Amino acid sequence: MNLNAYTGFQQVTEKLDILNSREFAEFSIEAANNAYLDNVPGAQITDPNNVRPSNYLRYRYPRGDLFDWFNFDDPAKVAALPDYKYQDLIFRTAPISNFQFSANGGTDKVQYAISAGYLKQDGIIKRSKMDRYTLRANVDIRPTSKLSLGVNINPSYKITQEVRSDGHWADNGIINAALTALPMAPIYNENGGTLRKPHWRLCTTCRVLPIRWRTLRSTTASSTRSTCCRTRGRSTHFYRT
């Protein structure tokens, strides 16, 4: 008999350096003013949001219109903005464990070989994981010198829980959503639950569609669970005359 086991962990080796809330506010002011001055005749940098065209939100930036604290023109309020690290919210240090057992033996007339395995792997994105069970058995029987029988079975069972990692945030790609989300927009409320529609307005004000924030929220709320069971087998027999 033989037993092998190992355990370890996986993690993101390097996270991207993205804008914090203060840097985002500075960038938003500069981008909105440049677009407004370049494309609207007679535009003045001091024009308030209600003077700037409403059909193109890239000419506007948060100036206390929506929430008093959400004002990029006020240095004190910019300094007080919360700063959420969305990469830290979706990624984690994920453990992985693998166990393998094997045994073989028999007599002159019966020979067997059996192996079994179990792999437990958590994904580096929260709420993603996999559990896999495998078994393999070979039995050879020689009841007489002329007759030989063989049986081989190889079943496996896998349970996966997946979160969509690839793709654009508009297609619910969680990594892209985390990299492009507003750094000051929270996901959780004071009770630890996920926030809902009131903060969609916050996202829309900064030209970020609500689906991006909803994608981030879904990582802590839902994932896709699937199971797969496969069984392979073969039998053989030989008879020598």
Foldseek 3Di string as FASTA:
>chain_A
DDKDKDKDKDFDPDDDDADWQLRVLVVLLVQLLVVQVVPPPPDDSPDAPVVGDPVDLSNHAACCPQHVLRHSVDPVSSVVFAFAQLVVVFFDIKMKMKMKDKDWDDDPFKTKIKMKMWIWTADRTPQWIKIKIKIWMKMWGHPDPFKIKIKIKIKMKMKIWDQAQDDDLVVLNLVNLSRPDNRRQDQADPVRAGDDDVCQVVCVSSVHHSSSSVSSNVSVPGTDMDMDIDMDMDMDMGGDD
